[in-house]
Protein backbone atom coordinates (compact mmCIF):
# COMPACT_ATOMS: atom_id res chain seq x y z
CA MET A 1 -35.35 80.64 111.90
CA ALA A 2 -31.68 80.31 111.09
CA HIS A 3 -29.86 77.33 112.95
CA GLU A 4 -27.79 78.49 115.77
CA GLU A 5 -24.14 77.38 115.68
CA SER A 6 -22.83 75.20 118.30
CA LEU A 7 -20.63 77.16 121.05
CA ARG A 8 -17.86 74.25 119.77
CA THR A 9 -17.94 75.32 115.94
CA ILE A 10 -17.84 78.93 117.33
CA LEU A 11 -14.92 78.46 119.23
CA VAL A 12 -12.74 76.51 117.04
CA SER A 13 -13.37 78.49 114.13
CA GLY A 14 -12.52 81.37 116.21
CA CYS A 15 -9.12 79.56 117.18
CA GLU A 16 -8.01 78.73 113.68
CA GLU A 17 -8.33 82.05 112.81
CA PHE A 18 -6.50 83.06 115.69
CA SER A 19 -3.71 80.67 115.15
CA SER A 20 -3.42 81.58 111.33
CA LEU A 21 -3.35 85.34 112.19
CA LEU A 22 -0.73 85.28 114.76
CA GLY A 23 1.24 82.87 113.01
CA ILE A 24 1.29 79.92 115.32
CA THR A 25 3.17 77.55 113.00
CA GLU A 26 4.33 74.17 113.84
CA ASP A 27 7.83 75.92 114.40
CA VAL A 28 6.10 78.07 116.94
CA LYS A 29 5.10 75.23 118.75
CA LYS A 30 8.06 73.56 118.66
CA ASN A 31 10.47 76.26 120.30
CA LEU A 32 7.83 77.06 122.76
CA LYS A 33 8.50 73.53 124.32
CA GLU A 34 12.27 74.63 124.00
CA ILE A 35 11.48 77.76 126.09
CA TYR A 36 9.41 75.99 128.52
CA LYS A 37 12.53 73.96 129.59
CA ALA A 38 14.33 76.82 130.31
CA ILE A 39 11.64 78.42 132.34
CA SER A 40 9.58 75.19 133.83
CA ALA A 41 11.60 75.50 136.89
CA ARG A 42 10.29 78.88 137.74
CA LYS A 43 6.19 78.24 136.88
CA GLU A 44 5.23 78.19 140.49
CA GLU A 45 7.18 81.41 141.21
CA ILE A 46 5.90 83.28 137.85
CA VAL A 47 2.27 82.05 138.88
CA ARG A 48 2.50 83.04 142.68
CA THR A 49 4.00 86.47 141.46
CA ALA A 50 1.05 87.11 139.04
CA LEU A 51 -1.37 86.03 141.28
CA ASP A 52 0.09 88.34 144.22
CA SER A 53 -0.53 91.12 141.53
CA ILE A 54 -4.10 90.16 140.98
CA SER A 55 -4.71 89.69 144.81
CA LYS A 56 -4.04 93.46 145.12
CA ASN A 57 -7.15 94.32 143.10
CA ASN A 58 -10.09 93.47 145.25
CA ASP A 59 -12.39 93.42 142.53
CA LEU A 60 -10.49 90.65 140.86
CA SER A 61 -9.77 88.94 143.85
CA GLU A 62 -13.11 88.56 144.83
CA ALA A 63 -14.22 87.79 141.23
CA LEU A 64 -11.74 84.60 141.68
CA LYS A 65 -13.30 83.52 144.87
CA LYS A 66 -16.98 83.70 143.70
CA ALA A 67 -15.89 81.65 140.66
CA GLY A 68 -14.93 79.27 143.58
CA LEU A 69 -11.23 79.81 143.07
CA ASP A 70 -9.73 80.26 146.14
CA GLU A 71 -5.83 80.80 146.75
CA THR A 72 -4.95 76.93 146.18
CA ARG A 73 -7.57 76.64 143.37
CA SER A 74 -6.40 79.63 141.46
CA LYS A 75 -2.75 78.82 141.77
CA ARG A 76 -3.48 75.47 140.39
CA LEU A 77 -5.90 76.60 137.75
CA PHE A 78 -3.38 78.97 136.46
CA GLU A 79 -0.21 76.62 136.95
CA TYR A 80 -2.21 74.49 134.55
CA TRP A 81 -3.26 77.17 132.21
CA PHE A 82 0.54 78.24 131.86
CA THR A 83 1.71 74.95 131.18
CA THR A 84 -0.96 74.56 128.38
CA ILE A 85 0.56 77.45 126.82
CA PHE A 86 3.74 75.76 126.06
CA GLN A 87 2.98 71.96 125.65
CA SER A 88 -0.26 72.13 123.99
CA ASP A 89 -0.64 72.03 120.19
CA TYR A 90 -3.04 74.96 119.72
CA GLY A 91 -5.71 72.69 118.23
CA GLU A 92 -9.44 71.64 119.08
CA ARG A 93 -8.78 70.29 122.13
CA HIS A 94 -6.41 73.23 123.56
CA CYS A 95 -8.78 75.55 122.18
CA LEU A 96 -12.09 74.48 124.05
CA ASP A 97 -9.78 74.05 127.35
CA VAL A 98 -8.69 77.73 127.48
CA ALA A 99 -12.14 78.53 126.84
CA ARG A 100 -13.37 76.34 129.72
CA ILE A 101 -10.88 78.69 131.97
CA GLY A 102 -12.36 81.89 130.44
CA LEU A 103 -15.89 80.56 131.19
CA LEU A 104 -14.63 79.77 134.68
CA LEU A 105 -13.83 83.24 135.14
CA VAL A 106 -17.07 84.67 133.67
CA ARG A 107 -18.95 82.32 136.11
CA GLY A 108 -17.36 84.50 138.94
CA GLY A 109 -18.12 87.69 137.27
CA PHE A 110 -14.63 88.42 136.47
CA PRO A 111 -14.73 91.59 134.26
CA LEU A 112 -14.11 91.12 130.35
CA HIS A 113 -11.97 94.46 130.75
CA SER A 114 -9.47 92.85 133.36
CA LEU A 115 -8.93 89.78 130.94
CA SER A 116 -6.15 91.81 128.93
CA PRO A 117 -4.26 93.06 132.51
CA LEU A 118 -4.65 89.38 133.80
CA VAL A 119 -2.79 87.84 130.70
CA SER A 120 -0.28 90.72 130.38
CA VAL A 121 0.61 90.08 134.29
CA PHE A 122 1.52 86.72 133.33
CA LEU A 123 3.09 87.58 130.16
CA SER A 124 5.49 90.02 131.92
CA GLU A 125 6.38 87.76 134.66
CA THR A 126 7.37 85.30 131.68
CA LEU A 127 9.21 87.54 129.82
CA LYS A 128 11.24 88.46 133.16
CA THR A 129 12.41 84.71 132.92
CA SER A 130 13.09 84.59 129.34
CA ASP A 131 16.60 84.54 127.49
CA GLY A 132 15.90 87.55 126.32
CA ASN A 133 16.26 86.14 122.74
CA PRO A 134 14.05 88.40 120.08
CA SER A 135 12.37 85.64 118.36
CA HIS A 136 11.31 84.02 121.62
CA ILE A 137 9.92 87.14 123.01
CA VAL A 138 8.09 87.84 119.66
CA MET A 139 6.56 84.06 120.11
CA LEU A 140 5.54 84.47 123.75
CA ALA A 141 3.63 87.75 122.69
CA LYS A 142 1.93 85.52 119.68
CA VAL A 143 0.87 82.52 122.24
CA PHE A 144 -0.57 84.85 125.21
CA GLY A 145 -2.09 86.93 122.56
CA TRP A 146 -4.02 83.96 121.37
CA ASN A 147 -4.84 82.54 124.93
CA LEU A 148 -6.33 86.34 125.63
CA ALA A 149 -8.35 86.18 122.61
CA VAL A 150 -9.82 82.55 122.78
CA MET A 151 -10.90 84.05 126.34
CA ILE A 152 -12.70 86.92 124.74
CA LEU A 153 -14.08 84.79 122.54
CA SER A 154 -15.54 82.65 124.81
CA TYR A 155 -17.03 85.51 127.05
CA GLU A 156 -18.62 87.27 123.95
CA THR A 157 -20.30 83.92 122.96
CA ILE A 158 -21.77 83.76 125.95
CA ARG A 159 -22.96 87.30 126.45
CA GLN A 160 -24.33 87.38 123.06
CA ARG A 161 -26.23 84.05 123.78
CA VAL A 162 -27.77 85.20 127.27
CA PHE A 163 -28.68 88.44 126.01
CA LYS A 164 -30.44 86.89 123.01
CA LYS A 165 -32.27 84.57 125.50
CA ALA A 166 -33.14 87.48 127.84
CA THR A 167 -34.24 90.02 125.56
CA GLY A 168 -35.46 88.15 122.37
CA ILE A 169 -33.71 90.57 120.02
CA SER A 170 -32.00 89.30 117.03
CA GLU A 171 -28.22 89.89 116.11
CA GLU A 172 -28.88 92.06 113.10
CA VAL A 173 -31.07 94.54 115.79
CA TYR A 174 -28.51 94.15 118.37
CA ASN A 175 -25.59 95.14 115.86
CA ARG A 176 -27.48 98.08 114.59
CA LEU A 177 -27.84 99.16 118.19
CA ILE A 178 -24.28 98.76 118.73
CA ASP A 179 -23.54 101.03 115.71
CA ILE A 180 -25.81 103.89 116.90
CA TYR A 181 -24.46 103.87 120.55
CA THR A 182 -20.88 103.75 119.26
CA LYS A 183 -21.16 106.50 116.82
CA THR A 184 -22.88 108.70 119.68
CA PHE A 185 -20.11 107.63 122.08
CA LEU A 186 -17.24 108.42 119.37
CA ASN A 187 -18.99 111.98 118.83
CA GLU A 188 -18.46 112.08 122.56
CA LEU A 189 -14.69 111.24 122.55
CA ALA A 190 -13.96 113.54 119.82
CA LYS A 191 -15.91 116.81 121.44
CA GLU A 192 -13.73 115.84 124.49
CA LEU A 193 -10.45 115.60 122.45
CA LYS A 194 -11.32 118.42 120.00
CA VAL A 195 -10.38 115.93 117.10
CA TRP A 196 -12.56 114.61 114.17
CA TRP A 197 -9.88 113.17 111.86
CA PHE A 198 -10.85 109.44 112.89
CA MET A 199 -14.45 110.10 112.10
């Protein structure tokens, strides 16, 4: 039986890959700290506005409560997360920290498909307070994308582990099932759209 990689190993490897793919260099990290100086005074406002948007969705606000994140704790958690985006080094500790935040949301039943809108809301509110410098906008897109990718990776890793333990299905069989059902779904979409060029 093949040895199962530790959660830490999977996460750190993924984070390194995301950093390379998105170009999160030392210059980017340095510039982020400069950007933060300009917007830190509005951190509470950004987080409050973002959480107000989330609270308008009953499913998402209930998921946060189920995870033990009432209004006060949500504010504290997301202010902490927001600060790490600008102040951390995007190394191993930061990687595990962001994964932990993702798993806190998982525990509450926060839907995977809602992570992207969640992060996008925070990015949108941040961009409203930025100086409009195109290079700064690109950097913000990169680092918010990195955070989203790490949260999704933590979700997917836990989901696969739970699925395997609950069903006993190997990764190879699982991937084969995904392939079969994805092909079926693609065919359904192709019929709906009446296009076949991407098949």
